[in-house]
Amino acid sequence: MKLLLDENLPRKLRFRSIAEHQVFSVQEMGWTSYQNGELLKLMQEHGFEALLTVDKGLQFQQNWQEYPLPVIILQAAKNDYDTLFPLVSALRQLLAQLDLAGGVHVVKQEE
């Protein structure tokens, strides 16, 4: 699966945790100056299949009927690698779903 890591996620996540996927960062693509709607359009144009982010507000900022790409929000106390790592198992399970639909999917820390 071709995934895009939003600029608010540690790039280390791609190398150590989800390396079985084709993962690119927003910085690597040169897309750091784009707003969310523009970013989603670019993702579609470049064949990305999902966006990984910690931006909780994103689900309320876009018209998801216009952008059928799934957005996966990793919800944790902080957005550093050590805090997000416990979410990797649930993230992998979600990514393994062949019928991953567009819209927002939340992977959160168990309480």
PDB file of N, CA and C in Angstrom:
ATOM      1  N   MET A   1       0.843  -1.170   0.000  1.00  0.00           N
ATOM      2  CA  MET A   1       0.000   0.000   0.000  1.00  0.00           C
ATOM      3  C   MET A   1       0.897   1.244   0.000  1.00  0.00           C
ATOM      4  N   LYS A   2       0.522   2.239  -0.775  1.00  0.00           N
ATOM      5  CA  LYS A   2       1.283   3.486  -0.856  1.00  0.00           C
ATOM      6  C   LYS A   2       0.682   4.492   0.129  1.00  0.00           C
ATOM      7  N   LEU A   3       1.472   4.850   1.143  1.00  0.00           N
ATOM      8  CA  LEU A   3       1.011   5.694   2.239  1.00  0.00           C
ATOM      9  C   LEU A   3       1.785   7.000   2.302  1.00  0.00           C
ATOM     10  N   LEU A   4       1.109   8.037   2.787  1.00  0.00           N
ATOM     11  CA  LEU A   4       1.755   9.328   3.010  1.00  0.00           C
ATOM     12  C   LEU A   4       1.722   9.642   4.497  1.00  0.00           C
ATOM     13  N   LEU A   5       2.887   9.930   5.076  1.00  0.00           N
ATOM     14  CA  LEU A   5       2.989  10.358   6.470  1.00  0.00           C
ATOM     15  C   LEU A   5       2.865  11.870   6.514  1.00  0.00           C
ATOM     16  N   ASP A   6       1.906  12.360   7.245  1.00  0.00           N
ATOM     17  CA  ASP A   6       1.737  13.798   7.407  1.00  0.00           C
ATOM     18  C   ASP A   6       2.963  14.362   8.116  1.00  0.00           C
ATOM     19  N   GLU A   7       3.182  15.644   7.966  1.00  0.00           N
ATOM     20  CA  GLU A   7       4.391  16.251   8.513  1.00  0.00           C
ATOM     21  C   GLU A   7       4.445  16.244  10.028  1.00  0.00           C
ATOM     22  N   ASN A   8       3.343  15.948  10.686  1.00  0.00           N
ATOM     23  CA  ASN A   8       3.334  15.926  12.145  1.00  0.00           C
ATOM     24  C   ASN A   8       3.691  14.555  12.729  1.00  0.00           C
ATOM     25  N   LEU A   9       4.028  13.583  11.881  1.00  0.00           N
ATOM     26  CA  LEU A   9       4.422  12.255  12.337  1.00  0.00           C
ATOM     27  C   LEU A   9       5.929  12.060  12.205  1.00  0.00           C
ATOM     28  N   PRO A  10       6.520  11.324  13.141  1.00  0.00           N
ATOM     29  CA  PRO A  10       7.960  11.062  13.038  1.00  0.00           C
ATOM     30  C   PRO A  10       8.271  10.138  11.865  1.00  0.00           C
ATOM     31  N   ARG A  11       9.243  10.505  11.050  1.00  0.00           N
ATOM     32  CA  ARG A  11       9.609   9.686   9.888  1.00  0.00           C
ATOM     33  C   ARG A  11      10.136   8.321  10.293  1.00  0.00           C
ATOM     34  N   LYS A  12      10.646   8.222  11.506  1.00  0.00           N
ATOM     35  CA  LYS A  12      11.152   6.956  12.011  1.00  0.00           C
ATOM     36  C   LYS A  12      10.055   5.882  11.985  1.00  0.00           C
ATOM     37  N   LEU A  13       8.814   6.298  12.070  1.00  0.00           N
ATOM     38  CA  LEU A  13       7.682   5.379  12.043  1.00  0.00           C
ATOM     39  C   LEU A  13       7.682   4.537  10.764  1.00  0.00           C
ATOM     40  N   ARG A  14       8.028   5.134   9.671  1.00  0.00           N
ATOM     41  CA  ARG A  14       7.988   4.424   8.390  1.00  0.00           C
ATOM     42  C   ARG A  14       9.077   3.371   8.274  1.00  0.00           C
ATOM     43  N   PHE A  15      10.227   3.634   8.804  1.00  0.00           N
ATOM     44  CA  PHE A  15      11.349   2.707   8.667  1.00  0.00           C
ATOM     45  C   PHE A  15      11.293   1.559   9.670  1.00  0.00           C
ATOM     46  N   ARG A  16      10.833   1.849  10.857  1.00  0.00           N
ATOM     47  CA  ARG A  16      10.875   0.844  11.916  1.00  0.00           C
ATOM     48  C   ARG A  16       9.565   0.105  12.106  1.00  0.00           C
ATOM     49  N   SER A  17       8.460   0.654  11.665  1.00  0.00           N
ATOM     50  CA  SER A  17       7.185   0.074  12.046  1.00  0.00           C
ATOM     51  C   SER A  17       6.285  -0.358  10.895  1.00  0.00           C
ATOM     52  N   ILE A  18       6.342   0.341   9.797  1.00  0.00           N
ATOM     53  CA  ILE A  18       5.454  -0.011   8.672  1.00  0.00           C
ATOM     54  C   ILE A  18       6.249  -0.109   7.374  1.00  0.00           C
ATOM     55  N   ALA A  19       7.440  -0.640   7.480  1.00  0.00           N
ATOM     56  CA  ALA A  19       8.343  -0.728   6.331  1.00  0.00           C
ATOM     57  C   ALA A  19       7.831  -1.666   5.239  1.00  0.00           C
ATOM     58  N   GLU A  20       6.843  -2.511   5.560  1.00  0.00           N
ATOM     59  CA  GLU A  20       6.301  -3.414   4.548  1.00  0.00           C
ATOM     60  C   GLU A  20       5.439  -2.680   3.521  1.00  0.00           C
ATOM     61  N   HIS A  21       5.148  -1.417   3.788  1.00  0.00           N
ATOM     62  CA  HIS A  21       4.378  -0.589   2.860  1.00  0.00           C
ATOM     63  C   HIS A  21       5.307   0.407   2.165  1.00  0.00           C
ATOM     64  N   GLN A  22       4.826   0.956   1.066  1.00  0.00           N
ATOM     65  CA  GLN A  22       5.557   2.005   0.361  1.00  0.00           C
ATOM     66  C   GLN A  22       5.150   3.316   1.028  1.00  0.00           C
ATOM     67  N   VAL A  23       6.031   3.867   1.849  1.00  0.00           N
ATOM     68  CA  VAL A  23       5.692   5.020   2.681  1.00  0.00           C
ATOM     69  C   VAL A  23       6.580   6.214   2.340  1.00  0.00           C
ATOM     70  N   PHE A  24       5.932   7.356   2.153  1.00  0.00           N
ATOM     71  CA  PHE A  24       6.630   8.608   1.865  1.00  0.00           C
ATOM     72  C   PHE A  24       6.168   9.653   2.868  1.00  0.00           C
ATOM     73  N   SER A  25       7.033  10.589   3.192  1.00  0.00           N
ATOM     74  CA  SER A  25       6.639  11.676   4.084  1.00  0.00           C
ATOM     75  C   SER A  25       6.253  12.898   3.246  1.00  0.00           C
ATOM     76  N   VAL A  26       5.462  13.763   3.854  1.00  0.00           N
ATOM     77  CA  VAL A  26       5.082  15.020   3.205  1.00  0.00           C
ATOM     78  C   VAL A  26       6.340  15.806   2.859  1.00  0.00           C
ATOM     79  N   GLN A  27       7.315  15.818   3.769  1.00  0.00           N
ATOM     80  CA  GLN A  27       8.560  16.549   3.539  1.00  0.00           C
ATOM     81  C   GLN A  27       9.305  15.973   2.333  1.00  0.00           C
ATOM     82  N   GLU A  28       9.376  14.672   2.269  1.00  0.00           N
ATOM     83  CA  GLU A  28      10.081  13.998   1.182  1.00  0.00           C
ATOM     84  C   GLU A  28       9.448  14.311  -0.181  1.00  0.00           C
ATOM     85  N   MET A  29       8.135  14.444  -0.200  1.00  0.00           N
ATOM     86  CA  MET A  29       7.426  14.750  -1.439  1.00  0.00           C
ATOM     87  C   MET A  29       7.504  16.241  -1.787  1.00  0.00           C
ATOM     88  N   GLY A  30       7.977  17.070  -0.858  1.00  0.00           N
ATOM     89  CA  GLY A  30       8.045  18.510  -1.095  1.00  0.00           C
ATOM     90  C   GLY A  30       6.689  19.183  -0.964  1.00  0.00           C
ATOM     91  N   TRP A  31       5.811  18.619  -0.145  1.00  0.00           N
ATOM     92  CA  TRP A  31       4.439  19.106  -0.022  1.00  0.00           C
ATOM     93  C   TRP A  31       4.156  19.790   1.305  1.00  0.00           C
ATOM     94  N   THR A  32       5.164  20.272   2.001  1.00  0.00           N
ATOM     95  CA  THR A  32       4.948  20.847   3.329  1.00  0.00           C
ATOM     96  C   THR A  32       4.138  22.135   3.317  1.00  0.00           C
ATOM     97  N   SER A  33       4.107  22.835   2.226  1.00  0.00           N
ATOM     98  CA  SER A  33       3.394  24.117   2.194  1.00  0.00           C
ATOM     99  C   SER A  33       1.918  23.981   1.793  1.00  0.00           C
ATOM    100  N   TYR A  34       1.463  22.771   1.504  1.00  0.00           N
ATOM    101  CA  TYR A  34       0.091  22.579   1.055  1.00  0.00           C
ATOM    102  C   TYR A  34      -0.874  22.379   2.218  1.00  0.00           C
ATOM    103  N   GLN A  35      -2.067  22.964   2.069  1.00  0.00           N
ATOM    104  CA  GLN A  35      -3.136  22.775   3.045  1.00  0.00           C
ATOM    105  C   GLN A  35      -3.761  21.402   2.829  1.00  0.00           C
ATOM    106  N   ASN A  36      -4.589  20.961   3.762  1.00  0.00           N
ATOM    107  CA  ASN A  36      -5.126  19.607   3.731  1.00  0.00           C
ATOM    108  C   ASN A  36      -5.881  19.252   2.454  1.00  0.00           C
ATOM    109  N   GLY A  37      -6.770  20.117   1.981  1.00  0.00           N
ATOM    110  CA  GLY A  37      -7.517  19.830   0.753  1.00  0.00           C
ATOM    111  C   GLY A  37      -6.595  19.680  -0.448  1.00  0.00           C
ATOM    112  N   GLU A  38      -5.622  20.567  -0.558  1.00  0.00           N
ATOM    113  CA  GLU A  38      -4.647  20.487  -1.653  1.00  0.00           C
ATOM    114  C   GLU A  38      -3.809  19.221  -1.534  1.00  0.00           C
ATOM    115  N   LEU A  39      -3.456  18.873  -0.302  1.00  0.00           N
ATOM    116  CA  LEU A  39      -2.649  17.686  -0.053  1.00  0.00           C
ATOM    117  C   LEU A  39      -3.394  16.424  -0.488  1.00  0.00           C
ATOM    118  N   LEU A  40      -4.671  16.355  -0.182  1.00  0.00           N
ATOM    119  CA  LEU A  40      -5.475  15.190  -0.564  1.00  0.00           C
ATOM    120  C   LEU A  40      -5.603  15.086  -2.087  1.00  0.00           C
ATOM    121  N   LYS A  41      -5.725  16.202  -2.765  1.00  0.00           N
ATOM    122  CA  LYS A  41      -5.763  16.187  -4.238  1.00  0.00           C
ATOM    123  C   LYS A  41      -4.438  15.673  -4.806  1.00  0.00           C
ATOM    124  N   LEU A  42      -3.325  16.162  -4.264  1.00  0.00           N
ATOM    125  CA  LEU A  42      -2.006  15.696  -4.706  1.00  0.00           C
ATOM    126  C   LEU A  42      -1.840  14.197  -4.466  1.00  0.00           C
ATOM    127  N   MET A  43      -2.330  13.737  -3.337  1.00  0.00           N
ATOM    128  CA  MET A  43      -2.247  12.308  -3.032  1.00  0.00           C
ATOM    129  C   MET A  43      -2.966  11.482  -4.089  1.00  0.00           C
ATOM    130  N   GLN A  44      -4.157  11.912  -4.463  1.00  0.00           N
ATOM    131  CA  GLN A  44      -4.913  11.197  -5.493  1.00  0.00           C
ATOM    132  C   GLN A  44      -4.153  11.190  -6.819  1.00  0.00           C
ATOM    133  N   GLU A  45      -3.604  12.331  -7.192  1.00  0.00           N
ATOM    134  CA  GLU A  45      -2.884  12.454  -8.454  1.00  0.00           C
ATOM    135  C   GLU A  45      -1.634  11.570  -8.492  1.00  0.00           C
ATOM    136  N   HIS A  46      -1.042  11.308  -7.339  1.00  0.00           N
ATOM    137  CA  HIS A  46       0.209  10.544  -7.270  1.00  0.00           C
ATOM    138  C   HIS A  46       0.018   9.105  -6.792  1.00  0.00           C
ATOM    139  N   GLY A  47      -1.199   8.644  -6.763  1.00  0.00           N
ATOM    140  CA  GLY A  47      -1.479   7.239  -6.476  1.00  0.00           C
ATOM    141  C   GLY A  47      -1.358   6.808  -5.029  1.00  0.00           C
ATOM    142  N   PHE A  48      -1.427   7.747  -4.101  1.00  0.00           N
ATOM    143  CA  PHE A  48      -1.400   7.365  -2.692  1.00  0.00           C
ATOM    144  C   PHE A  48      -2.726   6.730  -2.304  1.00  0.00           C
ATOM    145  N   GLU A  49      -2.663   5.804  -1.359  1.00  0.00           N
ATOM    146  CA  GLU A  49      -3.857   5.069  -0.963  1.00  0.00           C
ATOM    147  C   GLU A  49      -4.391   5.456   0.406  1.00  0.00           C
ATOM    148  N   ALA A  50      -3.582   6.129   1.223  1.00  0.00           N
ATOM    149  CA  ALA A  50      -4.028   6.563   2.550  1.00  0.00           C
ATOM    150  C   ALA A  50      -3.066   7.601   3.113  1.00  0.00           C
ATOM    151  N   LEU A  51      -3.597   8.433   3.996  1.00  0.00           N
ATOM    152  CA  LEU A  51      -2.820   9.444   4.711  1.00  0.00           C
ATOM    153  C   LEU A  51      -2.783   9.069   6.187  1.00  0.00           C
ATOM    154  N   LEU A  52      -1.597   9.073   6.767  1.00  0.00           N
ATOM    155  CA  LEU A  52      -1.433   8.849   8.203  1.00  0.00           C
ATOM    156  C   LEU A  52      -1.129  10.190   8.852  1.00  0.00           C
ATOM    157  N   THR A  53      -1.843  10.517   9.921  1.00  0.00           N
ATOM    158  CA  THR A  53      -1.687  11.811  10.575  1.00  0.00           C
ATOM    159  C   THR A  53      -2.010  11.701  12.057  1.00  0.00           C
ATOM    160  N   VAL A  54      -1.709  12.733  12.819  1.00  0.00           N
ATOM    161  CA  VAL A  54      -2.187  12.858  14.191  1.00  0.00           C
ATOM    162  C   VAL A  54      -3.116  14.076  14.300  1.00  0.00           C
ATOM    163  N   ASP A  55      -3.469  14.670  13.192  1.00  0.00           N
ATOM    164  CA  ASP A  55      -4.315  15.860  13.130  1.00  0.00           C
ATOM    165  C   ASP A  55      -5.777  15.471  13.390  1.00  0.00           C
ATOM    166  N   LYS A  56      -6.195  15.563  14.653  1.00  0.00           N
ATOM    167  CA  LYS A  56      -7.555  15.175  15.045  1.00  0.00           C
ATOM    168  C   LYS A  56      -8.622  16.047  14.385  1.00  0.00           C
ATOM    169  N   GLY A  57      -8.292  17.283  14.086  1.00  0.00           N
ATOM    170  CA  GLY A  57      -9.261  18.198  13.495  1.00  0.00           C
ATOM    171  C   GLY A  57      -9.520  17.953  12.020  1.00  0.00           C
ATOM    172  N   LEU A  58      -8.676  17.185  11.376  1.00  0.00           N
ATOM    173  CA  LEU A  58      -8.800  16.948   9.937  1.00  0.00           C
ATOM    174  C   LEU A  58     -10.144  16.350   9.567  1.00  0.00           C
ATOM    175  N   GLN A  59     -10.669  15.489  10.402  1.00  0.00           N
ATOM    176  CA  GLN A  59     -11.927  14.836  10.085  1.00  0.00           C
ATOM    177  C   GLN A  59     -13.101  15.815  10.007  1.00  0.00           C
ATOM    178  N   PHE A  60     -12.949  16.989  10.587  1.00  0.00           N
ATOM    179  CA  PHE A  60     -14.006  17.984  10.567  1.00  0.00           C
ATOM    180  C   PHE A  60     -13.751  19.101   9.557  1.00  0.00           C
ATOM    181  N   GLN A  61     -12.592  19.064   8.877  1.00  0.00           N
ATOM    182  CA  GLN A  61     -12.192  20.154   8.001  1.00  0.00           C
ATOM    183  C   GLN A  61     -12.433  19.892   6.526  1.00  0.00           C
ATOM    184  N   GLN A  62     -12.742  18.655   6.149  1.00  0.00           N
ATOM    185  CA  GLN A  62     -12.835  18.329   4.733  1.00  0.00           C
ATOM    186  C   GLN A  62     -14.184  17.710   4.393  1.00  0.00           C
ATOM    187  N   ASN A  63     -14.551  17.807   3.124  1.00  0.00           N
ATOM    188  CA  ASN A  63     -15.727  17.118   2.604  1.00  0.00           C
ATOM    189  C   ASN A  63     -15.234  15.764   2.103  1.00  0.00           C
ATOM    190  N   TRP A  64     -15.459  14.721   2.870  1.00  0.00           N
ATOM    191  CA  TRP A  64     -14.896  13.411   2.555  1.00  0.00           C
ATOM    192  C   TRP A  64     -15.534  12.757   1.345  1.00  0.00           C
ATOM    193  N   GLN A  65     -16.641  13.278   0.838  1.00  0.00           N
ATOM    194  CA  GLN A  65     -17.210  12.749  -0.405  1.00  0.00           C
ATOM    195  C   GLN A  65     -16.368  13.184  -1.603  1.00  0.00           C
ATOM    196  N   GLU A  66     -15.683  14.303  -1.483  1.00  0.00           N
ATOM    197  CA  GLU A  66     -14.795  14.786  -2.552  1.00  0.00           C
ATOM    198  C   GLU A  66     -13.481  14.019  -2.591  1.00  0.00           C
ATOM    199  N   TYR A  67     -13.039  13.524  -1.448  1.00  0.00           N
ATOM    200  CA  TYR A  67     -11.747  12.852  -1.327  1.00  0.00           C
ATOM    201  C   TYR A  67     -11.962  11.442  -0.773  1.00  0.00           C
ATOM    202  N   PRO A  68     -12.058  10.475  -1.647  1.00  0.00           N
ATOM    203  CA  PRO A  68     -12.360   9.118  -1.186  1.00  0.00           C
ATOM    204  C   PRO A  68     -11.183   8.376  -0.545  1.00  0.00           C
ATOM    205  N   LEU A  69     -10.067   9.049  -0.360  1.00  0.00           N
ATOM    206  CA  LEU A  69      -8.912   8.402   0.267  1.00  0.00           C
ATOM    207  C   LEU A  69      -9.124   8.245   1.767  1.00  0.00           C
ATOM    208  N   PRO A  70      -8.712   7.107   2.320  1.00  0.00           N
ATOM    209  CA  PRO A  70      -8.794   6.964   3.767  1.00  0.00           C
ATOM    210  C   PRO A  70      -7.737   7.817   4.467  1.00  0.00           C
ATOM    211  N   VAL A  71      -8.152   8.412   5.566  1.00  0.00           N
ATOM    212  CA  VAL A  71      -7.247   9.163   6.422  1.00  0.00           C
ATOM    213  C   VAL A  71      -7.228   8.431   7.752  1.00  0.00           C
ATOM    214  N   ILE A  72      -6.037   8.058   8.200  1.00  0.00           N
ATOM    215  CA  ILE A  72      -5.892   7.321   9.439  1.00  0.00           C
ATOM    216  C   ILE A  72      -5.260   8.245  10.471  1.00  0.00           C
ATOM    217  N   ILE A  73      -6.024   8.515  11.513  1.00  0.00           N
ATOM    218  CA  ILE A  73      -5.556   9.393  12.581  1.00  0.00           C
ATOM    219  C   ILE A  73      -5.017   8.525  13.710  1.00  0.00           C
ATOM    220  N   LEU A  74      -3.751   8.731  14.023  1.00  0.00           N
ATOM    221  CA  LEU A  74      -3.134   8.054  15.157  1.00  0.00           C
ATOM    222  C   LEU A  74      -3.330   8.961  16.363  1.00  0.00           C
ATOM    223  N   GLN A  75      -4.109   8.499  17.314  1.00  0.00           N
ATOM    224  CA  GLN A  75      -4.486   9.330  18.447  1.00  0.00           C
ATOM    225  C   GLN A  75      -3.743   8.863  19.696  1.00  0.00           C
ATOM    226  N   ALA A  76      -2.852   9.711  20.178  1.00  0.00           N
ATOM    227  CA  ALA A  76      -2.051   9.404  21.361  1.00  0.00           C
ATOM    228  C   ALA A  76      -1.763  10.700  22.113  1.00  0.00           C
ATOM    229  N   ALA A  77      -1.210  10.548  23.301  1.00  0.00           N
ATOM    230  CA  ALA A  77      -0.917  11.716  24.137  1.00  0.00           C
ATOM    231  C   ALA A  77       0.102  12.651  23.489  1.00  0.00           C
ATOM    232  N   LYS A  78       1.071  12.061  22.769  1.00  0.00           N
ATOM    233  CA  LYS A  78       2.097  12.853  22.074  1.00  0.00           C
ATOM    234  C   LYS A  78       2.313  12.241  20.694  1.00  0.00           C
ATOM    235  N   ASN A  79       2.986  12.964  19.823  1.00  0.00           N
ATOM    236  CA  ASN A  79       3.230  12.436  18.481  1.00  0.00           C
ATOM    237  C   ASN A  79       4.683  12.014  18.265  1.00  0.00           C
ATOM    238  N   ASP A  80       5.375  11.614  19.340  1.00  0.00           N
ATOM    239  CA  ASP A  80       6.733  11.112  19.165  1.00  0.00           C
ATOM    240  C   ASP A  80       6.688   9.598  18.921  1.00  0.00           C
ATOM    241  N   TYR A  81       7.765   9.073  18.404  1.00  0.00           N
ATOM    242  CA  TYR A  81       7.814   7.666  18.009  1.00  0.00           C
ATOM    243  C   TYR A  81       7.493   6.720  19.166  1.00  0.00           C
ATOM    244  N   ASP A  82       8.095   6.954  20.329  1.00  0.00           N
ATOM    245  CA  ASP A  82       7.889   6.049  21.459  1.00  0.00           C
ATOM    246  C   ASP A  82       6.432   6.013  21.921  1.00  0.00           C
ATOM    247  N   THR A  83       5.747   7.124  21.831  1.00  0.00           N
ATOM    248  CA  THR A  83       4.339   7.175  22.228  1.00  0.00           C
ATOM    249  C   THR A  83       3.448   6.523  21.168  1.00  0.00           C
ATOM    250  N   LEU A  84       3.801   6.684  19.903  1.00  0.00           N
ATOM    251  CA  LEU A  84       2.982   6.133  18.817  1.00  0.00           C
ATOM    252  C   LEU A  84       3.238   4.646  18.567  1.00  0.00           C
ATOM    253  N   PHE A  85       4.396   4.151  18.937  1.00  0.00           N
ATOM    254  CA  PHE A  85       4.753   2.767  18.638  1.00  0.00           C
ATOM    255  C   PHE A  85       3.703   1.750  19.125  1.00  0.00           C
ATOM    256  N   PRO A  86       3.125   1.909  20.310  1.00  0.00           N
ATOM    257  CA  PRO A  86       2.111   0.942  20.748  1.00  0.00           C
ATOM    258  C   PRO A  86       0.874   0.867  19.839  1.00  0.00           C
ATOM    259  N   LEU A  87       0.688   1.838  18.977  1.00  0.00           N
ATOM    260  CA  LEU A  87      -0.457   1.838  18.053  1.00  0.00           C
ATOM    261  C   LEU A  87      -0.173   1.054  16.771  1.00  0.00           C
ATOM    262  N   VAL A  88       1.066   0.663  16.564  1.00  0.00           N
ATOM    263  CA  VAL A  88       1.472   0.050  15.296  1.00  0.00           C
ATOM    264  C   VAL A  88       0.722  -1.241  14.999  1.00  0.00           C
ATOM    265  N   SER A  89       0.506  -2.076  15.984  1.00  0.00           N
ATOM    266  CA  SER A  89      -0.200  -3.336  15.759  1.00  0.00           C
ATOM    267  C   SER A  89      -1.611  -3.081  15.231  1.00  0.00           C
ATOM    268  N   ALA A  90      -2.336  -2.184  15.865  1.00  0.00           N
ATOM    269  CA  ALA A  90      -3.691  -1.842  15.411  1.00  0.00           C
ATOM    270  C   ALA A  90      -3.656  -1.172  14.036  1.00  0.00           C
ATOM    271  N   LEU A  91      -2.638  -0.354  13.790  1.00  0.00           N
ATOM    272  CA  LEU A  91      -2.481   0.288  12.485  1.00  0.00           C
ATOM    273  C   LEU A  91      -2.269  -0.758  11.399  1.00  0.00           C
ATOM    274  N   ARG A  92      -1.402  -1.716  11.651  1.00  0.00           N
ATOM    275  CA  ARG A  92      -1.156  -2.784  10.672  1.00  0.00           C
ATOM    276  C   ARG A  92      -2.430  -3.572  10.373  1.00  0.00           C
ATOM    277  N   GLN A  93      -3.216  -3.858  11.405  1.00  0.00           N
ATOM    278  CA  GLN A  93      -4.468  -4.578  11.204  1.00  0.00           C
ATOM    279  C   GLN A  93      -5.415  -3.771  10.324  1.00  0.00           C
ATOM    280  N   LEU A  94      -5.487  -2.495  10.563  1.00  0.00           N
ATOM    281  CA  LEU A  94      -6.355  -1.630   9.770  1.00  0.00           C
ATOM    282  C   LEU A  94      -5.886  -1.582   8.318  1.00  0.00           C
ATOM    283  N   LEU A  95      -4.590  -1.448   8.106  1.00  0.00           N
ATOM    284  CA  LEU A  95      -4.042  -1.387   6.751  1.00  0.00           C
ATOM    285  C   LEU A  95      -4.226  -2.706   6.003  1.00  0.00           C
ATOM    286  N   ALA A  96      -4.294  -3.799   6.727  1.00  0.00           N
ATOM    287  CA  ALA A  96      -4.443  -5.109   6.107  1.00  0.00           C
ATOM    288  C   ALA A  96      -5.859  -5.352   5.572  1.00  0.00           C
ATOM    289  N   GLN A  97      -6.788  -4.523   5.993  1.00  0.00           N
ATOM    290  CA  GLN A  97      -8.158  -4.684   5.522  1.00  0.00           C
ATOM    291  C   GLN A  97      -8.226  -4.297   4.044  1.00  0.00           C
ATOM    292  N   LEU A  98      -8.574  -5.253   3.232  1.00  0.00           N
ATOM    293  CA  LEU A  98      -8.625  -4.999   1.796  1.00  0.00           C
ATOM    294  C   LEU A  98      -9.708  -4.005   1.425  1.00  0.00           C
ATOM    295  N   ASP A  99     -10.725  -3.888   2.257  1.00  0.00           N
ATOM    296  CA  ASP A  99     -11.843  -3.002   1.946  1.00  0.00           C
ATOM    297  C   ASP A  99     -11.773  -1.689   2.714  1.00  0.00           C
ATOM    298  N   LEU A 100     -10.561  -1.240   3.006  1.00  0.00           N
ATOM    299  CA  LEU A 100     -10.390   0.010   3.734  1.00  0.00           C
ATOM    300  C   LEU A 100     -11.071   1.127   2.950  1.00  0.00           C
ATOM    301  N   ALA A 101     -12.125   1.648   3.522  1.00  0.00           N
ATOM    302  CA  ALA A 101     -12.931   2.655   2.830  1.00  0.00           C
ATOM    303  C   ALA A 101     -12.355   4.046   3.040  1.00  0.00           C
ATOM    304  N   GLY A 102     -12.777   4.960   2.187  1.00  0.00           N
ATOM    305  CA  GLY A 102     -12.389   6.345   2.357  1.00  0.00           C
ATOM    306  C   GLY A 102     -12.988   6.894   3.636  1.00  0.00           C
ATOM    307  N   GLY A 103     -12.608   8.089   3.977  1.00  0.00           N
ATOM    308  CA  GLY A 103     -13.081   8.690   5.215  1.00  0.00           C
ATOM    309  C   GLY A 103     -12.041   8.591   6.303  1.00  0.00           C
ATOM    310  N   VAL A 104     -12.466   8.833   7.507  1.00  0.00           N
ATOM    311  CA  VAL A 104     -11.552   8.908   8.638  1.00  0.00           C
ATOM    312  C   VAL A 104     -11.617   7.634   9.474  1.00  0.00           C
ATOM    313  N   HIS A 105     -10.438   7.113   9.784  1.00  0.00           N
ATOM    314  CA  HIS A 105     -10.292   5.941  10.631  1.00  0.00           C
ATOM    315  C   HIS A 105      -9.366   6.350  11.774  1.00  0.00           C
ATOM    316  N   VAL A 106      -9.759   6.052  13.004  1.00  0.00           N
ATOM    317  CA  VAL A 106      -8.963   6.466  14.158  1.00  0.00           C
ATOM    318  C   VAL A 106      -8.356   5.240  14.834  1.00  0.00           C
ATOM    319  N   VAL A 107      -7.059   5.308  15.071  1.00  0.00           N
ATOM    320  CA  VAL A 107      -6.343   4.294  15.834  1.00  0.00           C
ATOM    321  C   VAL A 107      -5.887   5.011  17.099  1.00  0.00           C
ATOM    322  N   LYS A 108      -6.413   4.558  18.254  1.00  0.00           N
ATOM    323  CA  LYS A 108      -6.068   5.297  19.471  1.00  0.00           C
ATOM    324  C   LYS A 108      -5.494   4.404  20.548  1.00  0.00           C
ATOM    325  N   GLN A 109      -4.818   5.064  21.475  1.00  0.00           N
ATOM    326  CA  GLN A 109      -4.212   4.393  22.604  1.00  0.00           C
ATOM    327  C   GLN A 109      -5.301   3.817  23.474  1.00  0.00           C
ATOM    328  N   GLU A 110      -5.053   2.592  23.928  1.00  0.00           N
ATOM    329  CA  GLU A 110      -5.996   2.005  24.873  1.00  0.00           C
ATOM    330  C   GLU A 110      -5.819   2.677  26.220  1.00  0.00           C
ATOM    331  N   GLU A 111      -6.909   2.825  26.910  1.00  0.00           N
ATOM    332  CA  GLU A 111      -6.854   3.526  28.197  1.00  0.00           C
ATOM    333  C   GLU A 111      -6.752   2.570  29.343  1.00  0.00           C
TER     334      GLU A 111
END
